[in-house]
Amino acid sequence: MRAIGKGSLSSILAIGLHITRVILWIMLGAVTLALIILPFAPVIADIFAGGDAVVFDGDGLVGAEDFIKVSSAFVTFAVMLFVVNRLLEILKALRFGSPFVKENADRFRGIGYALLMGEGAKFAFGFLALIFDADVELNMTFLSWLAIVTVFVLAEVFREGARMKEEQDLTV
C-alpha cells in the first residue's frame, strides 16, 4: 500500500483522524457542559423533583469525586483533541511533500508535551482525590510514560531528518 496519494495509508488515516476529531469535539463539548452544570445539579434536581420551593440544604448531590472525574475527562479529551490535530498536520505534510520538515519535529514535540501534561494532570487529580477522600481511579501506566518518551525521540529523529534533508537540498 502506498504512503502518499489517493487511497493511500495516509489518506485512510486522515479520514479516521477527522472522524475522531469530530467525536472528540462532541465529547469535549459534553464534558464542558457537564462542568458548567455540575455545580447547579442539586438546584436542578430540586426543580425537576417538583418541589414548591428550591431549597439547597448543603449536602448536595455532587461531591468532589464527581468534579474530579469530570475535570479529568475534560483534560483527557482536550489532550486527545490536541494530539489528533497535530497528527492531521503531520499527515498533511506527508501527503504534500516530505515528512522530514522542522515543523513536523515541532509537532511531535508538541504532542510529547501535551501527553506529558495529560499524565501530569493525572497526578494532580490523584492528589486532589487524596485531599477530598474521593474514590477516583486514575490509570497511570509505565506504557504511557514509554509512549511519551517515544514521541520525544521521534521528534528528534524528525528534527535530524529535516536537517539532513536541508543539507542534501543544498548539495549540488
N, C-alpha and C. Protein backbone atom coordinates (compact mmCIF):
# COMPACT_ATOMS: atom_id res chain seq x y z
N MET A 1 0.84 -1.18 0.00
CA MET A 1 0.00 0.00 0.00
C MET A 1 0.89 1.24 0.00
N ARG A 2 0.47 2.21 -0.79
CA ARG A 2 1.25 3.44 -0.91
C ARG A 2 1.10 4.30 0.34
N ALA A 3 2.09 5.15 0.60
CA ALA A 3 2.05 6.05 1.75
C ALA A 3 1.45 7.39 1.40
N ILE A 4 1.49 7.75 0.11
CA ILE A 4 1.04 9.07 -0.32
C ILE A 4 0.06 8.91 -1.48
N GLY A 5 -0.94 9.79 -1.55
CA GLY A 5 -1.86 9.79 -2.68
C GLY A 5 -3.23 9.25 -2.32
N LYS A 6 -4.10 9.26 -3.33
CA LYS A 6 -5.48 8.81 -3.15
C LYS A 6 -5.50 7.31 -2.83
N GLY A 7 -6.25 6.94 -1.81
CA GLY A 7 -6.34 5.55 -1.41
C GLY A 7 -5.13 5.04 -0.65
N SER A 8 -4.24 5.95 -0.27
CA SER A 8 -3.03 5.55 0.45
C SER A 8 -3.32 5.39 1.94
N LEU A 9 -2.35 4.87 2.63
CA LEU A 9 -2.46 4.69 4.07
C LEU A 9 -2.65 6.02 4.77
N SER A 10 -1.93 7.05 4.32
CA SER A 10 -2.05 8.37 4.98
C SER A 10 -3.44 8.97 4.77
N SER A 11 -4.05 8.76 3.60
CA SER A 11 -5.39 9.30 3.39
C SER A 11 -6.43 8.54 4.20
N ILE A 12 -6.25 7.25 4.36
CA ILE A 12 -7.15 6.45 5.21
C ILE A 12 -7.01 6.88 6.67
N LEU A 13 -5.78 7.05 7.12
CA LEU A 13 -5.55 7.53 8.48
C LEU A 13 -6.14 8.91 8.69
N ALA A 14 -6.02 9.77 7.70
CA ALA A 14 -6.55 11.12 7.81
C ALA A 14 -8.07 11.09 7.96
N ILE A 15 -8.74 10.23 7.21
CA ILE A 15 -10.20 10.10 7.33
C ILE A 15 -10.56 9.65 8.75
N GLY A 16 -9.86 8.64 9.24
CA GLY A 16 -10.10 8.16 10.60
C GLY A 16 -9.85 9.23 11.64
N LEU A 17 -8.80 10.02 11.46
CA LEU A 17 -8.49 11.08 12.41
C LEU A 17 -9.50 12.22 12.33
N HIS A 18 -10.02 12.50 11.13
CA HIS A 18 -11.06 13.53 11.02
C HIS A 18 -12.33 13.10 11.75
N ILE A 19 -12.71 11.84 11.60
CA ILE A 19 -13.88 11.31 12.31
C ILE A 19 -13.63 11.37 13.82
N THR A 20 -12.45 10.97 14.22
CA THR A 20 -12.08 11.01 15.64
C THR A 20 -12.14 12.43 16.17
N ARG A 21 -11.68 13.38 15.37
CA ARG A 21 -11.70 14.78 15.81
C ARG A 21 -13.12 15.28 16.05
N VAL A 22 -14.04 14.91 15.16
CA VAL A 22 -15.44 15.31 15.34
C VAL A 22 -16.00 14.71 16.63
N ILE A 23 -15.73 13.44 16.84
CA ILE A 23 -16.21 12.77 18.06
C ILE A 23 -15.60 13.43 19.31
N LEU A 24 -14.32 13.75 19.25
CA LEU A 24 -13.67 14.39 20.40
C LEU A 24 -14.24 15.78 20.67
N TRP A 25 -14.56 16.54 19.62
CA TRP A 25 -15.18 17.86 19.82
C TRP A 25 -16.53 17.71 20.51
N ILE A 26 -17.30 16.71 20.09
CA ILE A 26 -18.60 16.47 20.72
C ILE A 26 -18.42 16.09 22.19
N MET A 27 -17.49 15.19 22.46
CA MET A 27 -17.25 14.75 23.83
C MET A 27 -16.72 15.90 24.69
N LEU A 28 -15.81 16.70 24.13
CA LEU A 28 -15.28 17.84 24.89
C LEU A 28 -16.39 18.84 25.19
N GLY A 29 -17.28 19.06 24.23
CA GLY A 29 -18.41 19.95 24.47
C GLY A 29 -19.32 19.41 25.56
N ALA A 30 -19.58 18.10 25.54
CA ALA A 30 -20.43 17.50 26.56
C ALA A 30 -19.81 17.60 27.94
N VAL A 31 -18.52 17.34 28.03
CA VAL A 31 -17.84 17.41 29.32
C VAL A 31 -17.77 18.86 29.80
N THR A 32 -17.56 19.80 28.89
CA THR A 32 -17.55 21.21 29.27
C THR A 32 -18.92 21.63 29.80
N LEU A 33 -19.96 21.20 29.14
CA LEU A 33 -21.32 21.48 29.59
C LEU A 33 -21.55 20.85 30.98
N ALA A 34 -21.05 19.65 31.17
CA ALA A 34 -21.18 18.99 32.48
C ALA A 34 -20.44 19.78 33.56
N LEU A 35 -19.27 20.30 33.23
CA LEU A 35 -18.52 21.11 34.21
C LEU A 35 -19.27 22.39 34.58
N ILE A 36 -19.99 22.95 33.61
CA ILE A 36 -20.75 24.17 33.87
C ILE A 36 -22.00 23.86 34.70
N ILE A 37 -22.68 22.76 34.37
CA ILE A 37 -23.94 22.42 35.03
C ILE A 37 -23.73 21.75 36.39
N LEU A 38 -22.63 21.05 36.57
CA LEU A 38 -22.40 20.26 37.78
C LEU A 38 -22.60 21.03 39.09
N PRO A 39 -22.12 22.26 39.21
CA PRO A 39 -22.33 22.98 40.48
C PRO A 39 -23.81 23.25 40.78
N PHE A 40 -24.61 23.30 39.72
CA PHE A 40 -26.04 23.60 39.89
C PHE A 40 -26.91 22.36 39.93
N ALA A 41 -26.29 21.18 39.92
CA ALA A 41 -27.04 19.92 39.88
C ALA A 41 -28.04 19.77 41.03
N PRO A 42 -27.70 20.11 42.27
CA PRO A 42 -28.70 19.97 43.34
C PRO A 42 -29.92 20.86 43.14
N VAL A 43 -29.69 22.08 42.68
CA VAL A 43 -30.80 23.00 42.44
C VAL A 43 -31.67 22.48 41.30
N ILE A 44 -31.02 22.02 40.22
CA ILE A 44 -31.76 21.48 39.08
C ILE A 44 -32.55 20.24 39.50
N ALA A 45 -31.96 19.40 40.34
CA ALA A 45 -32.66 18.21 40.82
C ALA A 45 -33.89 18.59 41.65
N ASP A 46 -33.75 19.62 42.46
CA ASP A 46 -34.91 20.08 43.25
C ASP A 46 -36.02 20.60 42.35
N ILE A 47 -35.64 21.30 41.29
CA ILE A 47 -36.65 21.84 40.37
C ILE A 47 -37.39 20.70 39.68
N PHE A 48 -36.65 19.70 39.19
CA PHE A 48 -37.28 18.59 38.49
C PHE A 48 -38.00 17.63 39.43
N ALA A 49 -37.67 17.68 40.72
CA ALA A 49 -38.36 16.84 41.69
C ALA A 49 -39.75 17.36 41.98
N GLY A 50 -40.03 18.57 41.54
CA GLY A 50 -41.37 19.13 41.71
C GLY A 50 -41.59 19.80 43.04
N GLY A 51 -40.52 20.15 43.72
CA GLY A 51 -40.65 20.85 44.99
C GLY A 51 -41.23 22.23 44.78
N ASP A 52 -42.02 22.69 45.77
CA ASP A 52 -42.62 24.01 45.66
C ASP A 52 -41.57 25.10 45.70
N ALA A 53 -40.59 24.94 46.55
CA ALA A 53 -39.54 25.95 46.66
C ALA A 53 -38.20 25.25 46.45
N VAL A 54 -37.30 25.94 45.82
CA VAL A 54 -35.98 25.39 45.60
C VAL A 54 -35.18 25.58 46.88
N VAL A 55 -34.80 24.47 47.48
CA VAL A 55 -34.06 24.52 48.72
C VAL A 55 -32.77 23.75 48.53
N PHE A 56 -31.69 24.41 48.85
CA PHE A 56 -30.40 23.73 48.81
C PHE A 56 -29.93 23.60 50.25
N ASP A 57 -29.93 22.36 50.72
CA ASP A 57 -29.62 22.14 52.12
C ASP A 57 -28.14 21.94 52.40
N GLY A 58 -27.31 21.97 51.37
CA GLY A 58 -25.88 21.93 51.60
C GLY A 58 -25.26 20.57 51.40
N ASP A 59 -26.04 19.48 51.54
CA ASP A 59 -25.41 18.18 51.36
C ASP A 59 -25.20 17.88 49.88
N GLY A 60 -26.09 18.33 49.04
CA GLY A 60 -25.91 18.26 47.60
C GLY A 60 -25.84 16.86 47.05
N LEU A 61 -25.98 16.78 45.76
CA LEU A 61 -25.88 15.51 45.05
C LEU A 61 -24.51 15.34 44.42
N VAL A 62 -23.76 16.41 44.37
CA VAL A 62 -22.49 16.41 43.68
C VAL A 62 -21.36 16.60 44.67
N GLY A 63 -20.40 15.71 44.61
CA GLY A 63 -19.27 15.80 45.52
C GLY A 63 -17.98 16.07 44.78
N ALA A 64 -16.92 16.09 45.54
CA ALA A 64 -15.60 16.35 44.96
C ALA A 64 -15.23 15.25 43.98
N GLU A 65 -15.66 14.04 44.25
CA GLU A 65 -15.36 12.92 43.36
C GLU A 65 -15.89 13.17 41.95
N ASP A 66 -17.12 13.69 41.87
CA ASP A 66 -17.71 13.99 40.57
C ASP A 66 -16.94 15.09 39.84
N PHE A 67 -16.57 16.13 40.56
CA PHE A 67 -15.80 17.21 39.94
C PHE A 67 -14.45 16.71 39.43
N ILE A 68 -13.81 15.87 40.21
CA ILE A 68 -12.50 15.34 39.81
C ILE A 68 -12.65 14.47 38.57
N LYS A 69 -13.66 13.62 38.55
CA LYS A 69 -13.86 12.74 37.39
C LYS A 69 -14.17 13.53 36.13
N VAL A 70 -15.05 14.51 36.23
CA VAL A 70 -15.42 15.30 35.05
C VAL A 70 -14.24 16.17 34.61
N SER A 71 -13.51 16.74 35.55
CA SER A 71 -12.33 17.55 35.20
C SER A 71 -11.26 16.70 34.54
N SER A 72 -11.08 15.50 35.03
CA SER A 72 -10.12 14.58 34.43
C SER A 72 -10.53 14.22 33.01
N ALA A 73 -11.82 13.99 32.80
CA ALA A 73 -12.31 13.70 31.45
C ALA A 73 -12.10 14.90 30.53
N PHE A 74 -12.31 16.10 31.05
CA PHE A 74 -12.10 17.31 30.25
C PHE A 74 -10.65 17.40 29.79
N VAL A 75 -9.71 17.20 30.71
CA VAL A 75 -8.29 17.27 30.35
C VAL A 75 -7.94 16.17 29.35
N THR A 76 -8.47 14.97 29.57
CA THR A 76 -8.19 13.85 28.67
C THR A 76 -8.66 14.16 27.25
N PHE A 77 -9.91 14.63 27.12
CA PHE A 77 -10.43 14.93 25.78
C PHE A 77 -9.69 16.10 25.14
N ALA A 78 -9.31 17.09 25.92
CA ALA A 78 -8.57 18.23 25.38
C ALA A 78 -7.20 17.79 24.86
N VAL A 79 -6.51 16.95 25.62
CA VAL A 79 -5.20 16.46 25.18
C VAL A 79 -5.36 15.60 23.92
N MET A 80 -6.37 14.73 23.92
CA MET A 80 -6.59 13.88 22.75
C MET A 80 -6.90 14.72 21.50
N LEU A 81 -7.68 15.76 21.66
CA LEU A 81 -8.02 16.62 20.54
C LEU A 81 -6.78 17.33 20.01
N PHE A 82 -5.93 17.81 20.92
CA PHE A 82 -4.69 18.45 20.51
C PHE A 82 -3.80 17.48 19.73
N VAL A 83 -3.68 16.25 20.23
CA VAL A 83 -2.83 15.25 19.58
C VAL A 83 -3.38 14.91 18.19
N VAL A 84 -4.69 14.72 18.09
CA VAL A 84 -5.29 14.39 16.79
C VAL A 84 -5.06 15.52 15.80
N ASN A 85 -5.21 16.76 16.23
CA ASN A 85 -4.96 17.89 15.32
C ASN A 85 -3.52 17.92 14.85
N ARG A 86 -2.56 17.68 15.74
CA ARG A 86 -1.16 17.67 15.33
C ARG A 86 -0.87 16.50 14.38
N LEU A 87 -1.48 15.34 14.63
CA LEU A 87 -1.28 14.20 13.74
C LEU A 87 -1.84 14.48 12.35
N LEU A 88 -2.97 15.18 12.28
CA LEU A 88 -3.52 15.56 10.98
C LEU A 88 -2.58 16.51 10.23
N GLU A 89 -1.95 17.42 10.95
CA GLU A 89 -0.99 18.33 10.32
C GLU A 89 0.24 17.56 9.81
N ILE A 90 0.67 16.57 10.57
CA ILE A 90 1.81 15.75 10.15
C ILE A 90 1.44 14.97 8.89
N LEU A 91 0.23 14.39 8.87
CA LEU A 91 -0.21 13.65 7.68
C LEU A 91 -0.34 14.56 6.46
N LYS A 92 -0.79 15.80 6.68
CA LYS A 92 -0.90 16.75 5.57
C LYS A 92 0.48 17.04 4.99
N ALA A 93 1.47 17.20 5.86
CA ALA A 93 2.84 17.43 5.38
C ALA A 93 3.34 16.21 4.61
N LEU A 94 2.96 15.03 5.05
CA LEU A 94 3.37 13.80 4.35
C LEU A 94 2.72 13.74 2.97
N ARG A 95 1.44 14.08 2.89
CA ARG A 95 0.74 14.00 1.60
C ARG A 95 1.21 15.05 0.61
N PHE A 96 1.66 16.20 1.10
CA PHE A 96 2.03 17.29 0.20
C PHE A 96 3.54 17.50 0.10
N GLY A 97 4.31 16.50 0.40
CA GLY A 97 5.75 16.65 0.28
C GLY A 97 6.49 15.70 1.21
N SER A 98 7.56 16.18 1.74
CA SER A 98 8.40 15.37 2.59
C SER A 98 7.96 15.47 4.06
N PRO A 99 7.95 14.36 4.76
CA PRO A 99 7.59 14.42 6.18
C PRO A 99 8.72 14.99 7.03
N PHE A 100 9.93 14.97 6.51
CA PHE A 100 11.07 15.42 7.30
C PHE A 100 11.26 16.93 7.15
N VAL A 101 10.39 17.65 7.85
CA VAL A 101 10.48 19.10 7.91
C VAL A 101 10.51 19.50 9.38
N LYS A 102 11.08 20.65 9.64
CA LYS A 102 11.21 21.12 11.02
C LYS A 102 9.86 21.23 11.71
N GLU A 103 8.84 21.62 10.95
CA GLU A 103 7.50 21.78 11.54
C GLU A 103 6.98 20.47 12.11
N ASN A 104 7.25 19.35 11.43
CA ASN A 104 6.80 18.06 11.95
C ASN A 104 7.54 17.69 13.23
N ALA A 105 8.81 18.04 13.28
CA ALA A 105 9.56 17.79 14.52
C ALA A 105 8.94 18.60 15.66
N ASP A 106 8.58 19.84 15.38
CA ASP A 106 7.92 20.68 16.39
C ASP A 106 6.56 20.11 16.76
N ARG A 107 5.83 19.57 15.78
CA ARG A 107 4.52 18.97 16.07
C ARG A 107 4.67 17.75 16.97
N PHE A 108 5.65 16.91 16.68
CA PHE A 108 5.88 15.74 17.54
C PHE A 108 6.27 16.18 18.95
N ARG A 109 7.08 17.21 19.04
CA ARG A 109 7.47 17.70 20.36
C ARG A 109 6.24 18.25 21.10
N GLY A 110 5.37 18.96 20.39
CA GLY A 110 4.13 19.44 20.99
C GLY A 110 3.25 18.30 21.48
N ILE A 111 3.17 17.23 20.70
CA ILE A 111 2.42 16.04 21.13
C ILE A 111 3.02 15.48 22.40
N GLY A 112 4.34 15.42 22.45
CA GLY A 112 5.01 14.91 23.65
C GLY A 112 4.69 15.75 24.87
N TYR A 113 4.75 17.07 24.72
CA TYR A 113 4.43 17.95 25.85
C TYR A 113 2.97 17.83 26.27
N ALA A 114 2.07 17.69 25.29
CA ALA A 114 0.64 17.53 25.62
C ALA A 114 0.42 16.24 26.39
N LEU A 115 1.04 15.15 25.94
CA LEU A 115 0.90 13.88 26.65
C LEU A 115 1.51 13.97 28.05
N LEU A 116 2.63 14.67 28.14
CA LEU A 116 3.27 14.86 29.44
C LEU A 116 2.37 15.65 30.38
N MET A 117 1.74 16.70 29.87
CA MET A 117 0.82 17.48 30.71
C MET A 117 -0.41 16.64 31.10
N GLY A 118 -0.88 15.82 30.18
CA GLY A 118 -2.01 14.95 30.50
C GLY A 118 -1.68 13.97 31.61
N GLU A 119 -0.51 13.38 31.54
CA GLU A 119 -0.09 12.46 32.61
C GLU A 119 0.18 13.21 33.91
N GLY A 120 0.73 14.41 33.80
CA GLY A 120 0.95 15.23 34.99
C GLY A 120 -0.37 15.62 35.65
N ALA A 121 -1.38 15.87 34.82
CA ALA A 121 -2.70 16.20 35.35
C ALA A 121 -3.27 15.03 36.15
N LYS A 122 -2.94 13.81 35.73
CA LYS A 122 -3.40 12.64 36.49
C LYS A 122 -2.84 12.67 37.92
N PHE A 123 -1.58 13.09 38.05
CA PHE A 123 -1.01 13.21 39.40
C PHE A 123 -1.75 14.28 40.20
N ALA A 124 -2.06 15.39 39.54
CA ALA A 124 -2.78 16.47 40.23
C ALA A 124 -4.17 16.00 40.66
N PHE A 125 -4.88 15.30 39.77
CA PHE A 125 -6.20 14.80 40.12
C PHE A 125 -6.11 13.73 41.20
N GLY A 126 -5.07 12.92 41.16
CA GLY A 126 -4.86 11.93 42.22
C GLY A 126 -4.61 12.59 43.57
N PHE A 127 -3.84 13.68 43.55
CA PHE A 127 -3.59 14.44 44.78
C PHE A 127 -4.89 15.05 45.31
N LEU A 128 -5.70 15.61 44.41
CA LEU A 128 -6.99 16.17 44.82
C LEU A 128 -7.91 15.07 45.38
N ALA A 129 -7.86 13.90 44.77
CA ALA A 129 -8.67 12.78 45.26
C ALA A 129 -8.24 12.39 46.67
N LEU A 130 -6.94 12.45 46.95
CA LEU A 130 -6.47 12.15 48.31
C LEU A 130 -6.93 13.22 49.30
N ILE A 131 -6.86 14.47 48.89
CA ILE A 131 -7.26 15.56 49.77
C ILE A 131 -8.74 15.47 50.12
N PHE A 132 -9.58 15.22 49.10
CA PHE A 132 -11.03 15.20 49.32
C PHE A 132 -11.57 13.80 49.62
N ASP A 133 -10.67 12.84 49.80
CA ASP A 133 -11.06 11.47 50.10
C ASP A 133 -12.07 10.94 49.08
N ALA A 134 -11.76 11.18 47.82
CA ALA A 134 -12.64 10.76 46.73
C ALA A 134 -12.12 9.45 46.14
N ASP A 135 -13.03 8.60 45.76
CA ASP A 135 -12.69 7.31 45.18
C ASP A 135 -12.61 7.48 43.66
N VAL A 136 -11.45 7.89 43.18
CA VAL A 136 -11.25 8.14 41.76
C VAL A 136 -10.11 7.26 41.28
N GLU A 137 -10.38 6.52 40.20
CA GLU A 137 -9.35 5.65 39.64
C GLU A 137 -8.69 6.35 38.46
N LEU A 138 -7.41 6.61 38.57
CA LEU A 138 -6.65 7.24 37.51
C LEU A 138 -5.60 6.25 37.03
N ASN A 139 -5.70 5.86 35.79
CA ASN A 139 -4.80 4.85 35.24
C ASN A 139 -3.47 5.47 34.84
N MET A 140 -2.46 5.21 35.62
CA MET A 140 -1.11 5.66 35.28
C MET A 140 -0.28 4.41 35.04
N THR A 141 0.20 4.27 33.80
CA THR A 141 0.93 3.07 33.46
C THR A 141 2.32 3.41 32.94
N PHE A 142 3.18 2.43 33.04
CA PHE A 142 4.53 2.57 32.51
C PHE A 142 4.48 2.75 30.99
N LEU A 143 3.51 2.10 30.35
CA LEU A 143 3.37 2.19 28.90
C LEU A 143 3.09 3.62 28.45
N SER A 144 2.30 4.37 29.21
CA SER A 144 2.03 5.77 28.87
C SER A 144 3.32 6.58 28.89
N TRP A 145 4.12 6.38 29.92
CA TRP A 145 5.37 7.13 30.02
C TRP A 145 6.34 6.71 28.92
N LEU A 146 6.33 5.43 28.56
CA LEU A 146 7.17 4.96 27.46
C LEU A 146 6.73 5.59 26.14
N ALA A 147 5.43 5.73 25.94
CA ALA A 147 4.91 6.38 24.74
C ALA A 147 5.35 7.83 24.67
N ILE A 148 5.35 8.52 25.80
CA ILE A 148 5.77 9.92 25.84
C ILE A 148 7.24 10.04 25.44
N VAL A 149 8.07 9.18 26.00
CA VAL A 149 9.49 9.20 25.65
C VAL A 149 9.66 8.89 24.16
N THR A 150 8.89 7.93 23.65
CA THR A 150 8.97 7.57 22.23
C THR A 150 8.61 8.76 21.34
N VAL A 151 7.61 9.53 21.71
CA VAL A 151 7.22 10.69 20.91
C VAL A 151 8.34 11.73 20.90
N PHE A 152 8.99 11.94 22.05
CA PHE A 152 10.11 12.88 22.08
C PHE A 152 11.28 12.38 21.24
N VAL A 153 11.52 11.07 21.24
CA VAL A 153 12.58 10.51 20.40
C VAL A 153 12.23 10.71 18.93
N LEU A 154 10.95 10.46 18.57
CA LEU A 154 10.51 10.69 17.19
C LEU A 154 10.69 12.16 16.78
N ALA A 155 10.43 13.06 17.70
CA ALA A 155 10.62 14.48 17.41
C ALA A 155 12.07 14.76 17.04
N GLU A 156 12.99 14.17 17.78
CA GLU A 156 14.40 14.39 17.48
C GLU A 156 14.82 13.71 16.19
N VAL A 157 14.25 12.54 15.90
CA VAL A 157 14.53 11.86 14.63
C VAL A 157 14.05 12.73 13.47
N PHE A 158 12.86 13.29 13.59
CA PHE A 158 12.35 14.16 12.52
C PHE A 158 13.17 15.44 12.43
N ARG A 159 13.62 15.96 13.55
CA ARG A 159 14.45 17.17 13.51
C ARG A 159 15.77 16.87 12.77
N GLU A 160 16.36 15.74 13.07
CA GLU A 160 17.62 15.37 12.40
C GLU A 160 17.36 15.06 10.93
N GLY A 161 16.24 14.40 10.62
CA GLY A 161 15.89 14.13 9.23
C GLY A 161 15.69 15.40 8.44
N ALA A 162 15.06 16.39 9.06
CA ALA A 162 14.85 17.68 8.40
C ALA A 162 16.18 18.38 8.16
N ARG A 163 17.07 18.28 9.15
CA ARG A 163 18.40 18.89 8.98
C ARG A 163 19.16 18.22 7.84
N MET A 164 19.10 16.89 7.79
CA MET A 164 19.81 16.16 6.74
C MET A 164 19.21 16.45 5.37
N LYS A 165 17.88 16.56 5.28
CA LYS A 165 17.23 16.87 4.01
C LYS A 165 17.62 18.27 3.54
N GLU A 166 17.64 19.20 4.47
CA GLU A 166 18.03 20.58 4.13
C GLU A 166 19.47 20.60 3.63
N GLU A 167 20.35 19.85 4.30
CA GLU A 167 21.74 19.77 3.89
C GLU A 167 21.88 19.14 2.51
N GLN A 168 21.07 18.08 2.26
CA GLN A 168 21.11 17.42 0.97
C GLN A 168 20.58 18.34 -0.14
N ASP A 169 19.54 19.12 0.17
CA ASP A 169 18.99 20.05 -0.83
C ASP A 169 20.01 21.12 -1.22
N LEU A 170 20.88 21.48 -0.30
CA LEU A 170 21.90 22.49 -0.59
C LEU A 170 23.07 21.93 -1.36
N THR A 171 23.24 20.59 -1.32
CA THR A 171 24.32 19.93 -2.04
C THR A 171 23.97 19.81 -3.51
N VAL A 172 24.89 20.20 -4.38
CA VAL A 172 24.63 20.14 -5.82
C VAL A 172 25.10 18.85 -6.39
